mmCIF file of all heavy atoms, coordinates in Angstrom:
data_MODEL
# 
_entry.id   MODEL 
# 
loop_
_atom_site.group_PDB 
_atom_site.id 
_atom_site.type_symbol 
_atom_site.label_atom_id 
_atom_site.label_alt_id 
_atom_site.label_comp_id 
_atom_site.label_asym_id 
_atom_site.label_entity_id 
_atom_site.label_seq_id 
_atom_site.pdbx_PDB_ins_code 
_atom_site.Cartn_x 
_atom_site.Cartn_y 
_atom_site.Cartn_z 
_atom_site.occupancy 
_atom_site.B_iso_or_equiv 
_atom_site.pdbx_formal_charge 
_atom_site.auth_seq_id 
_atom_site.auth_comp_id 
_atom_site.auth_asym_id 
_atom_site.auth_atom_id 
_atom_site.pdbx_PDB_model_num 
ATOM 1   N N   . ALA A 1 1  ? 5.491   -0.195  -9.789  1.00 0.00 ? 1  ALA A N   1 
ATOM 2   C CA  . ALA A 1 1  ? 4.217   0.335   -10.285 1.00 0.00 ? 1  ALA A CA  1 
ATOM 3   C C   . ALA A 1 1  ? 3.955   1.680   -9.644  1.00 0.00 ? 1  ALA A C   1 
ATOM 4   O O   . ALA A 1 1  ? 4.274   1.885   -8.467  1.00 0.00 ? 1  ALA A O   1 
ATOM 5   C CB  . ALA A 1 1  ? 3.070   -0.624  -9.971  1.00 0.00 ? 1  ALA A CB  1 
ATOM 6   N N   . THR A 1 2  ? 3.378   2.573   -10.413 1.00 0.00 ? 2  THR A N   1 
ATOM 7   C CA  . THR A 1 2  ? 2.976   3.867   -9.868  1.00 0.00 ? 2  THR A CA  1 
ATOM 8   C C   . THR A 1 2  ? 1.586   4.222   -10.363 1.00 0.00 ? 2  THR A C   1 
ATOM 9   O O   . THR A 1 2  ? 1.135   3.729   -11.405 1.00 0.00 ? 2  THR A O   1 
ATOM 10  C CB  . THR A 1 2  ? 3.945   4.990   -10.268 1.00 0.00 ? 2  THR A CB  1 
ATOM 11  O OG1 . THR A 1 2  ? 3.968   5.096   -11.696 1.00 0.00 ? 2  THR A OG1 1 
ATOM 12  C CG2 . THR A 1 2  ? 5.337   4.749   -9.746  1.00 0.00 ? 2  THR A CG2 1 
ATOM 13  N N   . GLN A 1 3  ? 0.937   5.085   -9.616  1.00 0.00 ? 3  GLN A N   1 
ATOM 14  C CA  . GLN A 1 3  ? -0.381  5.567   -10.005 1.00 0.00 ? 3  GLN A CA  1 
ATOM 15  C C   . GLN A 1 3  ? -0.490  7.035   -9.658  1.00 0.00 ? 3  GLN A C   1 
ATOM 16  O O   . GLN A 1 3  ? -0.243  7.434   -8.517  1.00 0.00 ? 3  GLN A O   1 
ATOM 17  C CB  . GLN A 1 3  ? -1.488  4.779   -9.319  1.00 0.00 ? 3  GLN A CB  1 
ATOM 18  C CG  . GLN A 1 3  ? -2.886  5.126   -9.826  1.00 0.00 ? 3  GLN A CG  1 
ATOM 19  C CD  . GLN A 1 3  ? -3.950  4.218   -9.238  1.00 0.00 ? 3  GLN A CD  1 
ATOM 20  O OE1 . GLN A 1 3  ? -4.251  4.288   -8.052  1.00 0.00 ? 3  GLN A OE1 1 
ATOM 21  N NE2 . GLN A 1 3  ? -4.513  3.363   -10.065 1.00 0.00 ? 3  GLN A NE2 1 
ATOM 22  N N   . THR A 1 4  ? -0.875  7.848   -10.643 1.00 0.00 ? 4  THR A N   1 
ATOM 23  C CA  . THR A 1 4  ? -1.037  9.278   -10.404 1.00 0.00 ? 4  THR A CA  1 
ATOM 24  C C   . THR A 1 4  ? -2.382  9.553   -9.739  1.00 0.00 ? 4  THR A C   1 
ATOM 25  O O   . THR A 1 4  ? -3.237  8.675   -9.634  1.00 0.00 ? 4  THR A O   1 
ATOM 26  C CB  . THR A 1 4  ? -0.966  10.064  -11.714 1.00 0.00 ? 4  THR A CB  1 
ATOM 27  O OG1 . THR A 1 4  ? -2.072  9.672   -12.536 1.00 0.00 ? 4  THR A OG1 1 
ATOM 28  C CG2 . THR A 1 4  ? 0.335   9.795   -12.442 1.00 0.00 ? 4  THR A CG2 1 
ATOM 29  N N   . PHE A 1 5  ? -2.558  10.793  -9.308  1.00 0.00 ? 5  PHE A N   1 
ATOM 30  C CA  . PHE A 1 5  ? -3.802  11.166  -8.635  1.00 0.00 ? 5  PHE A CA  1 
ATOM 31  C C   . PHE A 1 5  ? -5.006  10.939  -9.534  1.00 0.00 ? 5  PHE A C   1 
ATOM 32  O O   . PHE A 1 5  ? -6.079  10.573  -9.060  1.00 0.00 ? 5  PHE A O   1 
ATOM 33  C CB  . PHE A 1 5  ? -3.738  12.631  -8.203  1.00 0.00 ? 5  PHE A CB  1 
ATOM 34  C CG  . PHE A 1 5  ? -4.973  13.074  -7.492  1.00 0.00 ? 5  PHE A CG  1 
ATOM 35  C CD1 . PHE A 1 5  ? -5.183  12.731  -6.164  1.00 0.00 ? 5  PHE A CD1 1 
ATOM 36  C CD2 . PHE A 1 5  ? -5.938  13.825  -8.136  1.00 0.00 ? 5  PHE A CD2 1 
ATOM 37  C CE1 . PHE A 1 5  ? -6.319  13.137  -5.491  1.00 0.00 ? 5  PHE A CE1 1 
ATOM 38  C CE2 . PHE A 1 5  ? -7.080  14.246  -7.464  1.00 0.00 ? 5  PHE A CE2 1 
ATOM 39  C CZ  . PHE A 1 5  ? -7.270  13.896  -6.151  1.00 0.00 ? 5  PHE A CZ  1 
ATOM 40  N N   . ASP A 1 6  ? -4.818  11.133  -10.856 1.00 0.00 ? 6  ASP A N   1 
ATOM 41  C CA  . ASP A 1 6  ? -5.935  10.916  -11.775 1.00 0.00 ? 6  ASP A CA  1 
ATOM 42  C C   . ASP A 1 6  ? -5.935  9.501   -12.355 1.00 0.00 ? 6  ASP A C   1 
ATOM 43  O O   . ASP A 1 6  ? -6.486  9.262   -13.431 1.00 0.00 ? 6  ASP A O   1 
ATOM 44  C CB  . ASP A 1 6  ? -5.911  11.954  -12.896 1.00 0.00 ? 6  ASP A CB  1 
ATOM 45  C CG  . ASP A 1 6  ? -4.590  11.983  -13.634 1.00 0.00 ? 6  ASP A CG  1 
ATOM 46  O OD1 . ASP A 1 6  ? -3.691  11.208  -13.260 1.00 0.00 ? 6  ASP A OD1 1 
ATOM 47  O OD2 . ASP A 1 6  ? -4.447  12.779  -14.577 1.00 0.00 ? 6  ASP A OD2 1 
ATOM 48  N N   . SER A 1 7  ? -5.280  8.577   -11.620 1.00 0.00 ? 7  SER A N   1 
ATOM 49  C CA  . SER A 1 7  ? -5.364  7.138   -11.880 1.00 0.00 ? 7  SER A CA  1 
ATOM 50  C C   . SER A 1 7  ? -4.602  6.633   -13.090 1.00 0.00 ? 7  SER A C   1 
ATOM 51  O O   . SER A 1 7  ? -4.854  5.507   -13.542 1.00 0.00 ? 7  SER A O   1 
ATOM 52  C CB  . SER A 1 7  ? -6.839  6.682   -11.970 1.00 0.00 ? 7  SER A CB  1 
ATOM 53  O OG  . SER A 1 7  ? -7.494  6.920   -10.742 1.00 0.00 ? 7  SER A OG  1 
ATOM 54  N N   . TYR A 1 8  ? -3.705  7.427   -13.637 1.00 0.00 ? 8  TYR A N   1 
ATOM 55  C CA  . TYR A 1 8  ? -2.815  6.886   -14.669 1.00 0.00 ? 8  TYR A CA  1 
ATOM 56  C C   . TYR A 1 8  ? -1.848  5.931   -13.987 1.00 0.00 ? 8  TYR A C   1 
ATOM 57  O O   . TYR A 1 8  ? -1.230  6.274   -12.976 1.00 0.00 ? 8  TYR A O   1 
ATOM 58  C CB  . TYR A 1 8  ? -2.050  8.005   -15.352 1.00 0.00 ? 8  TYR A CB  1 
ATOM 59  C CG  . TYR A 1 8  ? -0.986  7.497   -16.288 1.00 0.00 ? 8  TYR A CG  1 
ATOM 60  C CD1 . TYR A 1 8  ? -1.305  7.048   -17.564 1.00 0.00 ? 8  TYR A CD1 1 
ATOM 61  C CD2 . TYR A 1 8  ? 0.348   7.449   -15.890 1.00 0.00 ? 8  TYR A CD2 1 
ATOM 62  C CE1 . TYR A 1 8  ? -0.326  6.565   -18.419 1.00 0.00 ? 8  TYR A CE1 1 
ATOM 63  C CE2 . TYR A 1 8  ? 1.335   6.966   -16.733 1.00 0.00 ? 8  TYR A CE2 1 
ATOM 64  C CZ  . TYR A 1 8  ? 0.985   6.529   -17.997 1.00 0.00 ? 8  TYR A CZ  1 
ATOM 65  O OH  . TYR A 1 8  ? 1.970   6.054   -18.837 1.00 0.00 ? 8  TYR A OH  1 
ATOM 66  N N   . THR A 1 9  ? -1.728  4.720   -14.555 1.00 0.00 ? 9  THR A N   1 
ATOM 67  C CA  . THR A 1 9  ? -0.859  3.723   -13.944 1.00 0.00 ? 9  THR A CA  1 
ATOM 68  C C   . THR A 1 9  ? 0.303   3.366   -14.862 1.00 0.00 ? 9  THR A C   1 
ATOM 69  O O   . THR A 1 9  ? 0.196   3.462   -16.086 1.00 0.00 ? 9  THR A O   1 
ATOM 70  C CB  . THR A 1 9  ? -1.627  2.442   -13.597 1.00 0.00 ? 9  THR A CB  1 
ATOM 71  O OG1 . THR A 1 9  ? -2.207  1.912   -14.793 1.00 0.00 ? 9  THR A OG1 1 
ATOM 72  C CG2 . THR A 1 9  ? -2.715  2.713   -12.585 1.00 0.00 ? 9  THR A CG2 1 
ATOM 73  N N   . ASN A 1 10 ? 1.383   2.948   -14.249 1.00 0.00 ? 10 ASN A N   1 
ATOM 74  C CA  . ASN A 1 10 ? 2.573   2.541   -14.989 1.00 0.00 ? 10 ASN A CA  1 
ATOM 75  C C   . ASN A 1 10 ? 3.177   1.345   -14.279 1.00 0.00 ? 10 ASN A C   1 
ATOM 76  O O   . ASN A 1 10 ? 3.350   1.371   -13.053 1.00 0.00 ? 10 ASN A O   1 
ATOM 77  C CB  . ASN A 1 10 ? 3.584   3.689   -15.044 1.00 0.00 ? 10 ASN A CB  1 
ATOM 78  C CG  . ASN A 1 10 ? 4.800   3.350   -15.862 1.00 0.00 ? 10 ASN A CG  1 
ATOM 79  O OD1 . ASN A 1 10 ? 4.703   2.714   -16.900 1.00 0.00 ? 10 ASN A OD1 1 
ATOM 80  N ND2 . ASN A 1 10 ? 5.970   3.768   -15.405 1.00 0.00 ? 10 ASN A ND2 1 
ATOM 81  N N   . TYR A 1 11 ? 3.477   0.300   -15.033 1.00 0.00 ? 11 TYR A N   1 
ATOM 82  C CA  . TYR A 1 11 ? 4.045   -0.919  -14.466 1.00 0.00 ? 11 TYR A CA  1 
ATOM 83  C C   . TYR A 1 11 ? 5.379   -1.246  -15.118 1.00 0.00 ? 11 TYR A C   1 
ATOM 84  O O   . TYR A 1 11 ? 5.576   -1.004  -16.310 1.00 0.00 ? 11 TYR A O   1 
ATOM 85  C CB  . TYR A 1 11 ? 3.108   -2.114  -14.694 1.00 0.00 ? 11 TYR A CB  1 
ATOM 86  C CG  . TYR A 1 11 ? 1.804   -2.064  -13.942 1.00 0.00 ? 11 TYR A CG  1 
ATOM 87  C CD1 . TYR A 1 11 ? 0.656   -1.576  -14.545 1.00 0.00 ? 11 TYR A CD1 1 
ATOM 88  C CD2 . TYR A 1 11 ? 1.714   -2.529  -12.636 1.00 0.00 ? 11 TYR A CD2 1 
ATOM 89  C CE1 . TYR A 1 11 ? -0.552  -1.534  -13.867 1.00 0.00 ? 11 TYR A CE1 1 
ATOM 90  C CE2 . TYR A 1 11 ? 0.519   -2.501  -11.947 1.00 0.00 ? 11 TYR A CE2 1 
ATOM 91  C CZ  . TYR A 1 11 ? -0.609  -2.003  -12.563 1.00 0.00 ? 11 TYR A CZ  1 
ATOM 92  O OH  . TYR A 1 11 ? -1.806  -1.975  -11.879 1.00 0.00 ? 11 TYR A OH  1 
ATOM 93  N N   . ALA A 1 12 ? 6.244   -1.847  -14.336 1.00 0.00 ? 12 ALA A N   1 
ATOM 94  C CA  . ALA A 1 12 ? 7.458   -2.421  -14.916 1.00 0.00 ? 12 ALA A CA  1 
ATOM 95  C C   . ALA A 1 12 ? 7.055   -3.596  -15.802 1.00 0.00 ? 12 ALA A C   1 
ATOM 96  O O   . ALA A 1 12 ? 6.092   -4.311  -15.495 1.00 0.00 ? 12 ALA A O   1 
ATOM 97  C CB  . ALA A 1 12 ? 8.394   -2.889  -13.817 1.00 0.00 ? 12 ALA A CB  1 
ATOM 98  N N   . ASP A 1 13 ? 7.785   -3.794  -16.874 1.00 0.00 ? 13 ASP A N   1 
ATOM 99  C CA  . ASP A 1 13 ? 7.474   -4.896  -17.788 1.00 0.00 ? 13 ASP A CA  1 
ATOM 100 C C   . ASP A 1 13 ? 7.481   -6.238  -17.062 1.00 0.00 ? 13 ASP A C   1 
ATOM 101 O O   . ASP A 1 13 ? 6.685   -7.131  -17.363 1.00 0.00 ? 13 ASP A O   1 
ATOM 102 C CB  . ASP A 1 13 ? 8.490   -4.934  -18.929 1.00 0.00 ? 13 ASP A CB  1 
ATOM 103 C CG  . ASP A 1 13 ? 8.322   -3.772  -19.890 1.00 0.00 ? 13 ASP A CG  1 
ATOM 104 O OD1 . ASP A 1 13 ? 7.254   -3.122  -19.875 1.00 0.00 ? 13 ASP A OD1 1 
ATOM 105 O OD2 . ASP A 1 13 ? 9.263   -3.517  -20.668 1.00 0.00 ? 13 ASP A OD2 1 
ATOM 106 N N   . SER A 1 14 ? 8.363   -6.377  -16.083 1.00 0.00 ? 14 SER A N   1 
ATOM 107 C CA  . SER A 1 14 ? 8.529   -7.654  -15.398 1.00 0.00 ? 14 SER A CA  1 
ATOM 108 C C   . SER A 1 14 ? 7.341   -8.036  -14.525 1.00 0.00 ? 14 SER A C   1 
ATOM 109 O O   . SER A 1 14 ? 7.198   -9.200  -14.145 1.00 0.00 ? 14 SER A O   1 
ATOM 110 C CB  . SER A 1 14 ? 9.802   -7.623  -14.550 1.00 0.00 ? 14 SER A CB  1 
ATOM 111 O OG  . SER A 1 14 ? 9.731   -6.587  -13.581 1.00 0.00 ? 14 SER A OG  1 
ATOM 112 N N   . VAL A 1 15 ? 6.479   -7.062  -14.191 1.00 0.00 ? 15 VAL A N   1 
ATOM 113 C CA  . VAL A 1 15 ? 5.332   -7.367  -13.322 1.00 0.00 ? 15 VAL A CA  1 
ATOM 114 C C   . VAL A 1 15 ? 4.000   -7.146  -14.025 1.00 0.00 ? 15 VAL A C   1 
ATOM 115 O O   . VAL A 1 15 ? 2.945   -7.473  -13.464 1.00 0.00 ? 15 VAL A O   1 
ATOM 116 C CB  . VAL A 1 15 ? 5.378   -6.526  -12.029 1.00 0.00 ? 15 VAL A CB  1 
ATOM 117 C CG1 . VAL A 1 15 ? 6.728   -6.677  -11.341 1.00 0.00 ? 15 VAL A CG1 1 
ATOM 118 C CG2 . VAL A 1 15 ? 5.059   -5.061  -12.289 1.00 0.00 ? 15 VAL A CG2 1 
ATOM 119 N N   . GLU A 1 16 ? 4.031   -6.600  -15.239 1.00 0.00 ? 16 GLU A N   1 
ATOM 120 C CA  . GLU A 1 16 ? 2.794   -6.339  -15.985 1.00 0.00 ? 16 GLU A CA  1 
ATOM 121 C C   . GLU A 1 16 ? 1.969   -7.613  -16.092 1.00 0.00 ? 16 GLU A C   1 
ATOM 122 O O   . GLU A 1 16 ? 2.480   -8.681  -16.459 1.00 0.00 ? 16 GLU A O   1 
ATOM 123 C CB  . GLU A 1 16 ? 3.148   -5.818  -17.371 1.00 0.00 ? 16 GLU A CB  1 
ATOM 124 C CG  . GLU A 1 16 ? 1.971   -5.446  -18.230 1.00 0.00 ? 16 GLU A CG  1 
ATOM 125 C CD  . GLU A 1 16 ? 1.468   -4.038  -17.965 1.00 0.00 ? 16 GLU A CD  1 
ATOM 126 O OE1 . GLU A 1 16 ? 2.272   -3.107  -17.985 1.00 0.00 ? 16 GLU A OE1 1 
ATOM 127 O OE2 . GLU A 1 16 ? 0.250   -3.883  -17.725 1.00 0.00 ? 16 GLU A OE2 1 
ATOM 128 N N   . GLY A 1 17 ? 0.698   -7.513  -15.733 1.00 0.00 ? 17 GLY A N   1 
ATOM 129 C CA  . GLY A 1 17 ? -0.182  -8.667  -15.814 1.00 0.00 ? 17 GLY A CA  1 
ATOM 130 C C   . GLY A 1 17 ? -0.207  -9.524  -14.565 1.00 0.00 ? 17 GLY A C   1 
ATOM 131 O O   . GLY A 1 17 ? -1.083  -10.383 -14.416 1.00 0.00 ? 17 GLY A O   1 
ATOM 132 N N   . ARG A 1 18 ? 0.740   -9.319  -13.670 1.00 0.00 ? 18 ARG A N   1 
ATOM 133 C CA  . ARG A 1 18 ? 0.775   -10.098 -12.426 1.00 0.00 ? 18 ARG A CA  1 
ATOM 134 C C   . ARG A 1 18 ? 0.507   -9.225  -11.199 1.00 0.00 ? 18 ARG A C   1 
ATOM 135 O O   . ARG A 1 18 ? -0.053  -9.701  -10.214 1.00 0.00 ? 18 ARG A O   1 
ATOM 136 C CB  . ARG A 1 18 ? 2.149   -10.768 -12.261 1.00 0.00 ? 18 ARG A CB  1 
ATOM 137 C CG  . ARG A 1 18 ? 2.515   -11.719 -13.365 1.00 0.00 ? 18 ARG A CG  1 
ATOM 138 C CD  . ARG A 1 18 ? 3.798   -12.491 -13.041 1.00 0.00 ? 18 ARG A CD  1 
ATOM 139 N NE  . ARG A 1 18 ? 4.962   -11.618 -12.923 1.00 0.00 ? 18 ARG A NE  1 
ATOM 140 C CZ  . ARG A 1 18 ? 5.694   -11.492 -11.826 1.00 0.00 ? 18 ARG A CZ  1 
ATOM 141 N NH1 . ARG A 1 18 ? 5.398   -12.188 -10.741 1.00 0.00 ? 18 ARG A NH1 1 
ATOM 142 N NH2 . ARG A 1 18 ? 6.749   -10.688 -11.802 1.00 0.00 ? 18 ARG A NH2 1 
ATOM 143 N N   . PHE A 1 19 ? 0.933   -7.988  -11.242 1.00 0.00 ? 19 PHE A N   1 
ATOM 144 C CA  . PHE A 1 19 ? 0.755   -7.058  -10.119 1.00 0.00 ? 19 PHE A CA  1 
ATOM 145 C C   . PHE A 1 19 ? -0.299  -6.018  -10.489 1.00 0.00 ? 19 PHE A C   1 
ATOM 146 O O   . PHE A 1 19 ? -0.413  -5.608  -11.648 1.00 0.00 ? 19 PHE A O   1 
ATOM 147 C CB  . PHE A 1 19 ? 2.059   -6.332  -9.802  1.00 0.00 ? 19 PHE A CB  1 
ATOM 148 C CG  . PHE A 1 19 ? 3.148   -7.199  -9.222  1.00 0.00 ? 19 PHE A CG  1 
ATOM 149 C CD1 . PHE A 1 19 ? 3.054   -8.581  -9.187  1.00 0.00 ? 19 PHE A CD1 1 
ATOM 150 C CD2 . PHE A 1 19 ? 4.293   -6.615  -8.706  1.00 0.00 ? 19 PHE A CD2 1 
ATOM 151 C CE1 . PHE A 1 19 ? 4.058   -9.364  -8.663  1.00 0.00 ? 19 PHE A CE1 1 
ATOM 152 C CE2 . PHE A 1 19 ? 5.321   -7.381  -8.170  1.00 0.00 ? 19 PHE A CE2 1 
ATOM 153 C CZ  . PHE A 1 19 ? 5.195   -8.759  -8.163  1.00 0.00 ? 19 PHE A CZ  1 
ATOM 154 N N   . THR A 1 20 ? -1.029  -5.574  -9.466  1.00 0.00 ? 20 THR A N   1 
ATOM 155 C CA  . THR A 1 20 ? -2.029  -4.533  -9.663  1.00 0.00 ? 20 THR A CA  1 
ATOM 156 C C   . THR A 1 20 ? -1.909  -3.490  -8.564  1.00 0.00 ? 20 THR A C   1 
ATOM 157 O O   . THR A 1 20 ? -1.952  -3.833  -7.373  1.00 0.00 ? 20 THR A O   1 
ATOM 158 C CB  . THR A 1 20 ? -3.453  -5.123  -9.631  1.00 0.00 ? 20 THR A CB  1 
ATOM 159 O OG1 . THR A 1 20 ? -3.568  -6.145  -10.623 1.00 0.00 ? 20 THR A OG1 1 
ATOM 160 C CG2 . THR A 1 20 ? -4.485  -4.037  -9.911  1.00 0.00 ? 20 THR A CG2 1 
ATOM 161 N N   . ILE A 1 21 ? -1.758  -2.243  -8.976  1.00 0.00 ? 21 ILE A N   1 
ATOM 162 C CA  . ILE A 1 21 ? -1.706  -1.137  -8.022  1.00 0.00 ? 21 ILE A CA  1 
ATOM 163 C C   . ILE A 1 21 ? -3.080  -0.492  -7.922  1.00 0.00 ? 21 ILE A C   1 
ATOM 164 O O   . ILE A 1 21 ? -3.800  -0.377  -8.921  1.00 0.00 ? 21 ILE A O   1 
ATOM 165 C CB  . ILE A 1 21 ? -0.637  -0.098  -8.419  1.00 0.00 ? 21 ILE A CB  1 
ATOM 166 C CG1 . ILE A 1 21 ? -0.429  0.934   -7.302  1.00 0.00 ? 21 ILE A CG1 1 
ATOM 167 C CG2 . ILE A 1 21 ? -0.976  0.573   -9.746  1.00 0.00 ? 21 ILE A CG2 1 
ATOM 168 C CD1 . ILE A 1 21 ? 0.780   1.849   -7.539  1.00 0.00 ? 21 ILE A CD1 1 
ATOM 169 N N   . SER A 1 22 ? -3.440  -0.109  -6.708  1.00 0.00 ? 22 SER A N   1 
ATOM 170 C CA  . SER A 1 22 ? -4.707  0.581   -6.507  1.00 0.00 ? 22 SER A CA  1 
ATOM 171 C C   . SER A 1 22 ? -4.561  1.552   -5.343  1.00 0.00 ? 22 SER A C   1 
ATOM 172 O O   . SER A 1 22 ? -3.620  1.452   -4.562  1.00 0.00 ? 22 SER A O   1 
ATOM 173 C CB  . SER A 1 22 ? -5.836  -0.413  -6.239  1.00 0.00 ? 22 SER A CB  1 
ATOM 174 O OG  . SER A 1 22 ? -5.575  -1.156  -5.061  1.00 0.00 ? 22 SER A OG  1 
ATOM 175 N N   . ARG A 1 23 ? -5.498  2.494   -5.272  1.00 0.00 ? 23 ARG A N   1 
ATOM 176 C CA  . ARG A 1 23 ? -5.429  3.497   -4.209  1.00 0.00 ? 23 ARG A CA  1 
ATOM 177 C C   . ARG A 1 23 ? -6.788  3.741   -3.599  1.00 0.00 ? 23 ARG A C   1 
ATOM 178 O O   . ARG A 1 23 ? -7.821  3.627   -4.268  1.00 0.00 ? 23 ARG A O   1 
ATOM 179 C CB  . ARG A 1 23 ? -4.889  4.815   -4.779  1.00 0.00 ? 23 ARG A CB  1 
ATOM 180 C CG  . ARG A 1 23 ? -3.410  4.835   -4.989  1.00 0.00 ? 23 ARG A CG  1 
ATOM 181 C CD  . ARG A 1 23 ? -2.973  6.121   -5.669  1.00 0.00 ? 23 ARG A CD  1 
ATOM 182 N NE  . ARG A 1 23 ? -3.367  7.308   -4.920  1.00 0.00 ? 23 ARG A NE  1 
ATOM 183 C CZ  . ARG A 1 23 ? -3.150  8.534   -5.370  1.00 0.00 ? 23 ARG A CZ  1 
ATOM 184 N NH1 . ARG A 1 23 ? -2.571  8.725   -6.538  1.00 0.00 ? 23 ARG A NH1 1 
ATOM 185 N NH2 . ARG A 1 23 ? -3.536  9.579   -4.663  1.00 0.00 ? 23 ARG A NH2 1 
ATOM 186 N N   . ASP A 1 24 ? -6.776  4.086   -2.347  1.00 0.00 ? 24 ASP A N   1 
ATOM 187 C CA  . ASP A 1 24 ? -7.951  4.578   -1.641  1.00 0.00 ? 24 ASP A CA  1 
ATOM 188 C C   . ASP A 1 24 ? -7.625  6.012   -1.249  1.00 0.00 ? 24 ASP A C   1 
ATOM 189 O O   . ASP A 1 24 ? -6.928  6.259   -0.263  1.00 0.00 ? 24 ASP A O   1 
ATOM 190 C CB  . ASP A 1 24 ? -8.238  3.716   -0.411  1.00 0.00 ? 24 ASP A CB  1 
ATOM 191 C CG  . ASP A 1 24 ? -9.519  4.122   0.301   1.00 0.00 ? 24 ASP A CG  1 
ATOM 192 O OD1 . ASP A 1 24 ? -9.920  5.308   0.194   1.00 0.00 ? 24 ASP A OD1 1 
ATOM 193 O OD2 . ASP A 1 24 ? -10.108 3.269   0.970   1.00 0.00 ? 24 ASP A OD2 1 
ATOM 194 N N   . ASN A 1 25 ? -8.089  6.955   -2.054  1.00 0.00 ? 25 ASN A N   1 
ATOM 195 C CA  . ASN A 1 25 ? -7.722  8.352   -1.834  1.00 0.00 ? 25 ASN A CA  1 
ATOM 196 C C   . ASN A 1 25 ? -8.236  8.873   -0.494  1.00 0.00 ? 25 ASN A C   1 
ATOM 197 O O   . ASN A 1 25 ? -7.606  9.718   0.130   1.00 0.00 ? 25 ASN A O   1 
ATOM 198 C CB  . ASN A 1 25 ? -8.243  9.220   -2.975  1.00 0.00 ? 25 ASN A CB  1 
ATOM 199 C CG  . ASN A 1 25 ? -7.491  8.972   -4.261  1.00 0.00 ? 25 ASN A CG  1 
ATOM 200 O OD1 . ASN A 1 25 ? -6.316  8.600   -4.258  1.00 0.00 ? 25 ASN A OD1 1 
ATOM 201 N ND2 . ASN A 1 25 ? -8.164  9.147   -5.388  1.00 0.00 ? 25 ASN A ND2 1 
# 
């Protein structure tokens, strides 16, 4: 999973719906 500075997120298909990425800038 990745998250850009403007909060666009991308997940691998295998973890979509189970993993959540978040950031504290």
